[in-house]
Amino acid sequence: MPNFAVFNPNPDDLRALIFGRDTTNTSRILATDPSGNLTTVALDGTITSVLGTTVTAGTINNLLNGTISSVLGATVTAGTLSNLLDGTLSNILGATITAGTLSNLLSGTISSVLGATLTAGTLSNLLDGTISNLLGATITAGTLSSVTSISQKSFTEIDYPPTPTADALTPLPPVTTANLGTYSFFVYNAGPNPANLNVEISANGTNWYIDVSSPGLAAGSVDVLVPSRFLKYTRLSYASATTGASTTIDVFFNAQGT
């Protein structure tokens, strides 16, 4: 038949649109971006398996299980991240991380940490909650309202210079022992003559009470004087045991915090 083509000479005219139906059974055209990628967003439902995908933006409302290797610019609003191998979470709102390692927290607030260990980094502000284990980290601000236990007590040591004795009792500088639990004076008589020793305590730093005495510490001998009573200030006084027979003592004060 003249003037009638059997085939369409323009293949572009053979292209078709793909439709889908919504919940009202209305047909809708599936949209794409300029590169041809589907722009459809999952507004609701469950995605059971996503392999090798990167979430660059949007919101993950609920994550039941699986592994997220990289989240870029996304927001996790709720649910549990059971295992995070690598990547950066820029914003987590109301989510719970049950296991894994948070190697670096740049900003934001962690409202509750249960069973986790902070191995390094800085906790700049702690609003509430309990820290059960803190290894090598620094707390720069905030309030510790309750500390249930400290794994290691503090230690205080004062090494006094070699001290010559005289006939009259002479005190060493007092130590403020108000916040110390256990403390004592270690004394070694390094001189040729015996020495008399007293541990004195005071509530005001002016009036002193002799709590423990060690008379006649022989030359070359050692004694440890432990106070039996508690007051705010404690000091050691020393003197020659024999008039005119001076000696030299080496004194160390050791204490543990409460």
C-alpha atoms as a PDB file:
ATOM      1  CA  MET A   1       0.000   0.000   0.000  1.00  0.00           C
ATOM      2  CA  PRO A   2       1.566   3.290  -1.022  1.00  0.00           C
ATOM      3  CA  ASN A   3       2.524   5.986   1.569  1.00  0.00           C
ATOM      4  CA  PHE A   4       1.979   3.673   4.585  1.00  0.00           C
ATOM      5  CA  ALA A   5       5.076   2.490   6.513  1.00  0.00           C
ATOM      6  CA  VAL A   6       4.842  -0.954   8.084  1.00  0.00           C
ATOM      7  CA  PHE A   7       7.560  -0.209  10.778  1.00  0.00           C
ATOM      8  CA  ASN A   8       8.055   2.953  12.897  1.00  0.00           C
ATOM      9  CA  PRO A   9      11.291   4.599  11.616  1.00  0.00           C
ATOM     10  CA  ASN A  10      11.895   6.430  15.006  1.00  0.00           C
ATOM     11  CA  PRO A  11      12.698   4.031  17.869  1.00  0.00           C
ATOM     12  CA  ASP A  12      12.315   6.821  20.475  1.00  0.00           C
ATOM     13  CA  ASP A  13       8.590   6.822  19.772  1.00  0.00           C
ATOM     14  CA  LEU A  14       8.443   3.190  20.976  1.00  0.00           C
ATOM     15  CA  ARG A  15       9.435   4.046  24.569  1.00  0.00           C
ATOM     16  CA  ALA A  16       6.840   3.321  27.278  1.00  0.00           C
ATOM     17  CA  LEU A  17       6.219   4.678  30.774  1.00  0.00           C
ATOM     18  CA  ILE A  18       6.222   2.327  33.794  1.00  0.00           C
ATOM     19  CA  PHE A  19       3.357   2.727  36.205  1.00  0.00           C
ATOM     20  CA  GLY A  20       2.641   1.447  39.681  1.00  0.00           C
ATOM     21  CA  ARG A  21      -0.460   1.471  41.805  1.00  0.00           C
ATOM     22  CA  ASP A  22      -0.872   3.095  45.194  1.00  0.00           C
ATOM     23  CA  THR A  23      -3.062   1.888  48.072  1.00  0.00           C
ATOM     24  CA  THR A  24      -6.145   3.405  46.419  1.00  0.00           C
ATOM     25  CA  ASN A  25      -5.486   1.398  43.242  1.00  0.00           C
ATOM     26  CA  THR A  26      -4.622   4.605  41.373  1.00  0.00           C
ATOM     27  CA  SER A  27      -1.901   4.291  38.694  1.00  0.00           C
ATOM     28  CA  ARG A  28       1.229   6.361  39.357  1.00  0.00           C
ATOM     29  CA  ILE A  29       4.250   6.957  37.094  1.00  0.00           C
ATOM     30  CA  LEU A  30       7.567   5.771  38.577  1.00  0.00           C
ATOM     31  CA  ALA A  31       9.966   8.763  38.742  1.00  0.00           C
ATOM     32  CA  THR A  32      13.752   8.827  38.218  1.00  0.00           C
ATOM     33  CA  ASP A  33      16.552  11.301  38.730  1.00  0.00           C
ATOM     34  CA  PRO A  34      18.495  12.792  35.737  1.00  0.00           C
ATOM     35  CA  SER A  35      20.771   9.697  35.720  1.00  0.00           C
ATOM     36  CA  GLY A  36      17.858   7.291  35.473  1.00  0.00           C
ATOM     37  CA  ASN A  37      17.966   6.086  39.092  1.00  0.00           C
ATOM     38  CA  LEU A  38      14.620   5.438  40.750  1.00  0.00           C
ATOM     39  CA  THR A  39      13.794   8.179  43.241  1.00  0.00           C
ATOM     40  CA  THR A  40      11.205   6.092  45.050  1.00  0.00           C
ATOM     41  CA  VAL A  41      11.546   6.396  48.855  1.00  0.00           C
ATOM     42  CA  ALA A  42      10.514   3.632  51.246  1.00  0.00           C
ATOM     43  CA  LEU A  43       8.162   5.487  53.594  1.00  0.00           C
ATOM     44  CA  ASP A  44       7.134   2.469  55.632  1.00  0.00           C
ATOM     45  CA  GLY A  45       7.641  -1.255  55.949  1.00  0.00           C
ATOM     46  CA  THR A  46      10.587  -3.567  56.523  1.00  0.00           C
ATOM     47  CA  ILE A  47      13.685  -4.061  54.362  1.00  0.00           C
ATOM     48  CA  THR A  48      14.963  -7.510  55.318  1.00  0.00           C
ATOM     49  CA  SER A  49      18.303  -7.431  53.479  1.00  0.00           C
ATOM     50  CA  VAL A  50      20.419  -4.620  52.046  1.00  0.00           C
ATOM     51  CA  LEU A  51      23.825  -5.707  50.746  1.00  0.00           C
ATOM     52  CA  GLY A  52      26.538  -3.275  49.619  1.00  0.00           C
ATOM     53  CA  THR A  53      24.303  -0.219  49.792  1.00  0.00           C
ATOM     54  CA  THR A  54      25.205   3.253  51.050  1.00  0.00           C
ATOM     55  CA  VAL A  55      22.591   5.403  52.740  1.00  0.00           C
ATOM     56  CA  THR A  56      23.608   8.993  51.932  1.00  0.00           C
ATOM     57  CA  ALA A  57      20.595  10.822  53.372  1.00  0.00           C
ATOM     58  CA  GLY A  58      17.241  10.262  54.940  1.00  0.00           C
ATOM     59  CA  THR A  59      15.990   8.601  58.086  1.00  0.00           C
ATOM     60  CA  ILE A  60      16.262   4.995  59.285  1.00  0.00           C
ATOM     61  CA  ASN A  61      13.320   4.725  61.684  1.00  0.00           C
ATOM     62  CA  ASN A  62      13.820   1.193  62.892  1.00  0.00           C
ATOM     63  CA  LEU A  63      16.693  -1.260  62.394  1.00  0.00           C
ATOM     64  CA  LEU A  64      15.885  -4.777  63.585  1.00  0.00           C
ATOM     65  CA  ASN A  65      19.171  -6.506  62.815  1.00  0.00           C
ATOM     66  CA  GLY A  66      22.091  -6.638  60.437  1.00  0.00           C
ATOM     67  CA  THR A  67      25.264  -4.687  59.873  1.00  0.00           C
ATOM     68  CA  ILE A  68      25.619  -1.065  58.782  1.00  0.00           C
ATOM     69  CA  SER A  69      29.078  -0.540  57.286  1.00  0.00           C
ATOM     70  CA  SER A  70      28.640   3.085  56.213  1.00  0.00           C
ATOM     71  CA  VAL A  71      26.032   5.735  56.979  1.00  0.00           C
ATOM     72  CA  LEU A  72      26.662   9.170  55.438  1.00  0.00           C
ATOM     73  CA  GLY A  73      24.527  12.110  56.533  1.00  0.00           C
ATOM     74  CA  ALA A  74      21.659   9.945  57.691  1.00  0.00           C
ATOM     75  CA  THR A  75      19.634  10.119  60.883  1.00  0.00           C
ATOM     76  CA  VAL A  76      18.766   7.091  62.976  1.00  0.00           C
ATOM     77  CA  THR A  77      15.746   8.104  65.075  1.00  0.00           C
ATOM     78  CA  ALA A  78      14.977   4.873  66.913  1.00  0.00           C
ATOM     79  CA  GLY A  79      15.785   1.214  67.135  1.00  0.00           C
ATOM     80  CA  THR A  80      18.902  -0.764  67.948  1.00  0.00           C
ATOM     81  CA  LEU A  81      22.232  -0.852  66.127  1.00  0.00           C
ATOM     82  CA  SER A  82      23.402  -4.348  67.048  1.00  0.00           C
ATOM     83  CA  ASN A  83      26.700  -4.219  65.168  1.00  0.00           C
ATOM     84  CA  LEU A  84      28.489  -1.294  63.543  1.00  0.00           C
ATOM     85  CA  LEU A  85      31.756  -2.332  61.898  1.00  0.00           C
ATOM     86  CA  ASP A  86      32.973   0.937  60.392  1.00  0.00           C
ATOM     87  CA  GLY A  87      31.877   4.315  59.151  1.00  0.00           C
ATOM     88  CA  THR A  88      30.581   7.510  60.687  1.00  0.00           C
ATOM     89  CA  LEU A  89      27.195   8.108  62.239  1.00  0.00           C
ATOM     90  CA  SER A  90      26.641  11.843  61.956  1.00  0.00           C
ATOM     91  CA  ASN A  91      23.387  12.008  63.896  1.00  0.00           C
ATOM     92  CA  ILE A  92      21.649   9.462  66.149  1.00  0.00           C
ATOM     93  CA  LEU A  93      18.408  10.530  67.834  1.00  0.00           C
ATOM     94  CA  GLY A  94      16.848   8.256  70.424  1.00  0.00           C
ATOM     95  CA  ALA A  95      18.707   5.167  69.270  1.00  0.00           C
ATOM     96  CA  THR A  96      20.369   2.428  71.316  1.00  0.00           C
ATOM     97  CA  ILE A  97      23.773   0.915  70.527  1.00  0.00           C
ATOM     98  CA  THR A  98      23.980  -2.448  72.300  1.00  0.00           C
ATOM     99  CA  ALA A  99      27.443  -3.582  71.184  1.00  0.00           C
ATOM    100  CA  GLY A 100      30.472  -2.532  69.205  1.00  0.00           C
ATOM    101  CA  THR A 101      32.964   0.283  69.503  1.00  0.00           C
ATOM    102  CA  LEU A 102      32.419   4.024  69.226  1.00  0.00           C
ATOM    103  CA  SER A 103      35.966   5.060  68.339  1.00  0.00           C
ATOM    104  CA  ASN A 104      35.304   8.784  68.022  1.00  0.00           C
ATOM    105  CA  LEU A 105      32.373  10.949  69.083  1.00  0.00           C
ATOM    106  CA  LEU A 106      32.716  14.406  67.526  1.00  0.00           C
ATOM    107  CA  SER A 107      29.604  16.041  68.940  1.00  0.00           C
ATOM    108  CA  GLY A 108      26.180  15.343  70.340  1.00  0.00           C
ATOM    109  CA  THR A 109      24.774  13.917  73.553  1.00  0.00           C
ATOM    110  CA  ILE A 110      24.730  10.320  74.742  1.00  0.00           C
ATOM    111  CA  SER A 111      21.828  10.142  77.175  1.00  0.00           C
ATOM    112  CA  SER A 112      22.382   6.577  78.356  1.00  0.00           C
ATOM    113  CA  VAL A 113      25.325   4.166  78.142  1.00  0.00           C
ATOM    114  CA  LEU A 114      24.537   0.630  79.357  1.00  0.00           C
ATOM    115  CA  GLY A 115      27.288  -1.983  79.546  1.00  0.00           C
ATOM    116  CA  ALA A 116      29.682  -0.065  77.317  1.00  0.00           C
ATOM    117  CA  THR A 117      33.364   0.736  77.734  1.00  0.00           C
ATOM    118  CA  LEU A 118      34.947   4.069  76.810  1.00  0.00           C
ATOM    119  CA  THR A 119      38.537   3.229  75.933  1.00  0.00           C
ATOM    120  CA  ALA A 120      39.721   6.686  74.869  1.00  0.00           C
ATOM    121  CA  GLY A 121      38.569  10.148  73.970  1.00  0.00           C
ATOM    122  CA  THR A 122      36.933  13.008  75.798  1.00  0.00           C
ATOM    123  CA  LEU A 123      33.568  13.100  77.527  1.00  0.00           C
ATOM    124  CA  SER A 124      32.947  16.849  77.400  1.00  0.00           C
ATOM    125  CA  ASN A 125      29.545  16.861  79.094  1.00  0.00           C
ATOM    126  CA  LEU A 126      27.683  14.129  80.967  1.00  0.00           C
ATOM    127  CA  LEU A 127      24.074  15.081  81.725  1.00  0.00           C
ATOM    128  CA  ASP A 128      22.839  11.922  83.408  1.00  0.00           C
ATOM    129  CA  GLY A 129      23.413   8.200  83.696  1.00  0.00           C
ATOM    130  CA  THR A 130      26.010   5.844  85.107  1.00  0.00           C
ATOM    131  CA  ILE A 131      29.551   5.211  83.872  1.00  0.00           C
ATOM    132  CA  SER A 132      30.470   1.676  84.945  1.00  0.00           C
ATOM    133  CA  ASN A 133      33.819   1.416  83.172  1.00  0.00           C
ATOM    134  CA  LEU A 134      36.077   4.189  81.945  1.00  0.00           C
ATOM    135  CA  LEU A 135      39.495   3.265  80.523  1.00  0.00           C
ATOM    136  CA  GLY A 136      41.991   5.919  79.474  1.00  0.00           C
ATOM    137  CA  ALA A 137      39.346   8.582  78.878  1.00  0.00           C
ATOM    138  CA  THR A 138      39.118  12.177  80.038  1.00  0.00           C
ATOM    139  CA  ILE A 139      36.045  13.835  81.556  1.00  0.00           C
ATOM    140  CA  THR A 140      36.393  17.579  80.973  1.00  0.00           C
ATOM    141  CA  ALA A 141      33.013  18.814  82.229  1.00  0.00           C
ATOM    142  CA  GLY A 142      29.800  17.745  83.878  1.00  0.00           C
ATOM    143  CA  THR A 143      28.815  16.459  87.294  1.00  0.00           C
ATOM    144  CA  LEU A 144      29.584  13.094  88.894  1.00  0.00           C
ATOM    145  CA  SER A 145      26.673  12.823  91.301  1.00  0.00           C
ATOM    146  CA  SER A 146      27.490   9.318  92.496  1.00  0.00           C
ATOM    147  CA  VAL A 147      30.607   7.142  92.272  1.00  0.00           C
ATOM    148  CA  THR A 148      29.951   3.562  93.389  1.00  0.00           C
ATOM    149  CA  SER A 149      33.542   2.343  93.307  1.00  0.00           C
ATOM    150  CA  ILE A 150      37.046   3.275  92.198  1.00  0.00           C
ATOM    151  CA  SER A 151      39.282   0.390  91.135  1.00  0.00           C
ATOM    152  CA  GLN A 152      42.500   1.911  92.520  1.00  0.00           C
ATOM    153  CA  LYS A 153      43.039   4.146  95.541  1.00  0.00           C
ATOM    154  CA  SER A 154      45.133   7.285  95.309  1.00  0.00           C
ATOM    155  CA  PHE A 155      48.607   7.334  96.860  1.00  0.00           C
ATOM    156  CA  THR A 156      50.449  10.214  98.511  1.00  0.00           C
ATOM    157  CA  GLU A 157      54.125  10.282  99.488  1.00  0.00           C
ATOM    158  CA  ILE A 158      56.280  12.953 101.147  1.00  0.00           C
ATOM    159  CA  ASP A 159      60.044  12.384 101.226  1.00  0.00           C
ATOM    160  CA  TYR A 160      61.514  14.735 103.824  1.00  0.00           C
ATOM    161  CA  PRO A 161      65.214  15.693 103.500  1.00  0.00           C
ATOM    162  CA  PRO A 162      67.700  14.223 106.035  1.00  0.00           C
ATOM    163  CA  THR A 163      66.902  15.953 109.319  1.00  0.00           C
ATOM    164  CA  PRO A 164      69.367  16.509 112.210  1.00  0.00           C
ATOM    165  CA  THR A 165      67.933  16.363 115.721  1.00  0.00           C
ATOM    166  CA  ALA A 166      68.346  18.820 118.611  1.00  0.00           C
ATOM    167  CA  ASP A 167      67.695  18.599 122.350  1.00  0.00           C
ATOM    168  CA  ALA A 168      64.218  20.209 122.046  1.00  0.00           C
ATOM    169  CA  LEU A 169      61.315  18.620 120.161  1.00  0.00           C
ATOM    170  CA  THR A 170      61.105  20.064 116.634  1.00  0.00           C
ATOM    171  CA  PRO A 171      58.101  19.396 114.331  1.00  0.00           C
ATOM    172  CA  LEU A 172      58.191  18.642 110.624  1.00  0.00           C
ATOM    173  CA  PRO A 173      55.689  20.589 108.456  1.00  0.00           C
ATOM    174  CA  PRO A 174      52.153  19.277 109.134  1.00  0.00           C
ATOM    175  CA  VAL A 175      50.202  17.173 106.636  1.00  0.00           C
ATOM    176  CA  THR A 176      46.504  17.753 105.961  1.00  0.00           C
ATOM    177  CA  THR A 177      45.050  14.285 106.519  1.00  0.00           C
ATOM    178  CA  ALA A 178      41.350  15.210 106.313  1.00  0.00           C
ATOM    179  CA  ASN A 179      40.804  13.280 103.043  1.00  0.00           C
ATOM    180  CA  LEU A 180      43.234  10.431 103.644  1.00  0.00           C
ATOM    181  CA  GLY A 181      42.229   6.967 104.768  1.00  0.00           C
ATOM    182  CA  THR A 182      45.424   5.231 105.903  1.00  0.00           C
ATOM    183  CA  TYR A 183      48.708   7.019 106.596  1.00  0.00           C
ATOM    184  CA  SER A 184      51.949   6.545 108.525  1.00  0.00           C
ATOM    185  CA  PHE A 185      55.458   7.902 109.082  1.00  0.00           C
ATOM    186  CA  PHE A 186      58.470   5.748 108.189  1.00  0.00           C
ATOM    187  CA  VAL A 187      61.577   6.834 110.157  1.00  0.00           C
ATOM    188  CA  TYR A 188      65.163   5.583 109.741  1.00  0.00           C
ATOM    189  CA  ASN A 189      67.837   6.700 112.227  1.00  0.00           C
ATOM    190  CA  ALA A 190      70.807   7.289 109.933  1.00  0.00           C
ATOM    191  CA  GLY A 191      72.974   8.933 112.636  1.00  0.00           C
ATOM    192  CA  PRO A 192      75.118   7.618 115.519  1.00  0.00           C
ATOM    193  CA  ASN A 193      72.778   8.383 118.455  1.00  0.00           C
ATOM    194  CA  PRO A 194      69.184   7.483 119.498  1.00  0.00           C
ATOM    195  CA  ALA A 195      66.230   9.782 118.791  1.00  0.00           C
ATOM    196  CA  ASN A 196      62.820  10.423 120.341  1.00  0.00           C
ATOM    197  CA  LEU A 197      59.782  10.609 118.017  1.00  0.00           C
ATOM    198  CA  ASN A 198      56.171  11.776 118.448  1.00  0.00           C
ATOM    199  CA  VAL A 199      53.194  11.776 116.081  1.00  0.00           C
ATOM    200  CA  GLU A 200      51.037  14.800 116.888  1.00  0.00           C
ATOM    201  CA  ILE A 201      47.514  15.632 115.669  1.00  0.00           C
ATOM    202  CA  SER A 202      45.490  18.846 115.609  1.00  0.00           C
ATOM    203  CA  ALA A 203      42.039  20.061 114.586  1.00  0.00           C
ATOM    204  CA  ASN A 204      43.091  23.672 113.968  1.00  0.00           C
ATOM    205  CA  GLY A 205      46.820  23.490 113.139  1.00  0.00           C
ATOM    206  CA  THR A 206      47.694  25.455 116.287  1.00  0.00           C
ATOM    207  CA  ASN A 207      47.018  23.235 119.290  1.00  0.00           C
ATOM    208  CA  TRP A 208      48.693  19.816 119.070  1.00  0.00           C
ATOM    209  CA  TYR A 209      48.077  16.517 120.844  1.00  0.00           C
ATOM    210  CA  ILE A 210      50.681  13.714 121.155  1.00  0.00           C
ATOM    211  CA  ASP A 211      48.976  10.637 119.668  1.00  0.00           C
ATOM    212  CA  VAL A 212      51.840   8.109 119.276  1.00  0.00           C
ATOM    213  CA  SER A 213      55.378   8.110 120.722  1.00  0.00           C
ATOM    214  CA  SER A 214      58.549   6.181 119.876  1.00  0.00           C
ATOM    215  CA  PRO A 215      61.242   6.957 122.471  1.00  0.00           C
ATOM    216  CA  GLY A 216      64.889   6.081 121.970  1.00  0.00           C
ATOM    217  CA  LEU A 217      64.989   4.920 118.325  1.00  0.00           C
ATOM    218  CA  ALA A 218      68.474   3.401 118.155  1.00  0.00           C
ATOM    219  CA  ALA A 219      71.079   4.305 115.536  1.00  0.00           C
ATOM    220  CA  GLY A 220      70.595   2.289 112.348  1.00  0.00           C
ATOM    221  CA  SER A 221      67.043   1.281 113.357  1.00  0.00           C
ATOM    222  CA  VAL A 222      63.694   1.745 111.613  1.00  0.00           C
ATOM    223  CA  ASP A 223      60.253   2.461 113.039  1.00  0.00           C
ATOM    224  CA  VAL A 224      56.805   3.030 111.507  1.00  0.00           C
ATOM    225  CA  LEU A 225      54.523   5.346 113.450  1.00  0.00           C
ATOM    226  CA  VAL A 226      50.812   4.968 112.660  1.00  0.00           C
ATOM    227  CA  PRO A 227      48.376   7.505 114.190  1.00  0.00           C
ATOM    228  CA  SER A 228      45.636   5.897 116.281  1.00  0.00           C
ATOM    229  CA  ARG A 229      43.304   8.927 116.231  1.00  0.00           C
ATOM    230  CA  PHE A 230      41.987  11.081 113.403  1.00  0.00           C
ATOM    231  CA  LEU A 231      42.121  14.851 113.150  1.00  0.00           C
ATOM    232  CA  LYS A 232      42.514  17.257 110.257  1.00  0.00           C
ATOM    233  CA  TYR A 233      46.282  17.824 110.654  1.00  0.00           C
ATOM    234  CA  THR A 234      49.095  15.365 111.482  1.00  0.00           C
ATOM    235  CA  ARG A 235      52.837  15.922 111.970  1.00  0.00           C
ATOM    236  CA  LEU A 236      55.990  14.210 113.275  1.00  0.00           C
ATOM    237  CA  SER A 237      58.140  15.806 115.992  1.00  0.00           C
ATOM    238  CA  TYR A 238      61.678  14.661 116.765  1.00  0.00           C
ATOM    239  CA  ALA A 239      64.462  15.292 119.318  1.00  0.00           C
ATOM    240  CA  SER A 240      67.767  13.822 120.494  1.00  0.00           C
ATOM    241  CA  ALA A 241      67.239  11.098 123.096  1.00  0.00           C
ATOM    242  CA  THR A 242      70.418  12.159 124.908  1.00  0.00           C
ATOM    243  CA  THR A 243      71.195  15.792 125.628  1.00  0.00           C
ATOM    244  CA  GLY A 244      73.945  17.056 123.356  1.00  0.00           C
ATOM    245  CA  ALA A 245      74.018  13.814 121.303  1.00  0.00           C
ATOM    246  CA  SER A 246      72.536  14.755 117.920  1.00  0.00           C
ATOM    247  CA  THR A 247      71.635  12.285 115.198  1.00  0.00           C
ATOM    248  CA  THR A 248      70.094  12.386 111.703  1.00  0.00           C
ATOM    249  CA  ILE A 249      66.756  10.846 110.725  1.00  0.00           C
ATOM    250  CA  ASP A 250      65.241  10.068 107.319  1.00  0.00           C
ATOM    251  CA  VAL A 251      61.444  10.460 107.287  1.00  0.00           C
ATOM    252  CA  PHE A 252      58.843   9.341 104.720  1.00  0.00           C
ATOM    253  CA  PHE A 253      55.105   9.995 104.916  1.00  0.00           C
ATOM    254  CA  ASN A 254      52.935   7.487 103.000  1.00  0.00           C
ATOM    255  CA  ALA A 255      49.142   7.653 102.634  1.00  0.00           C
ATOM    256  CA  GLN A 256      46.250   6.109 100.708  1.00  0.00           C
ATOM    257  CA  GLY A 257      43.092   7.956  99.763  1.00  0.00           C
ATOM    258  CA  THR A 258      39.662   6.807 100.903  1.00  0.00           C
END
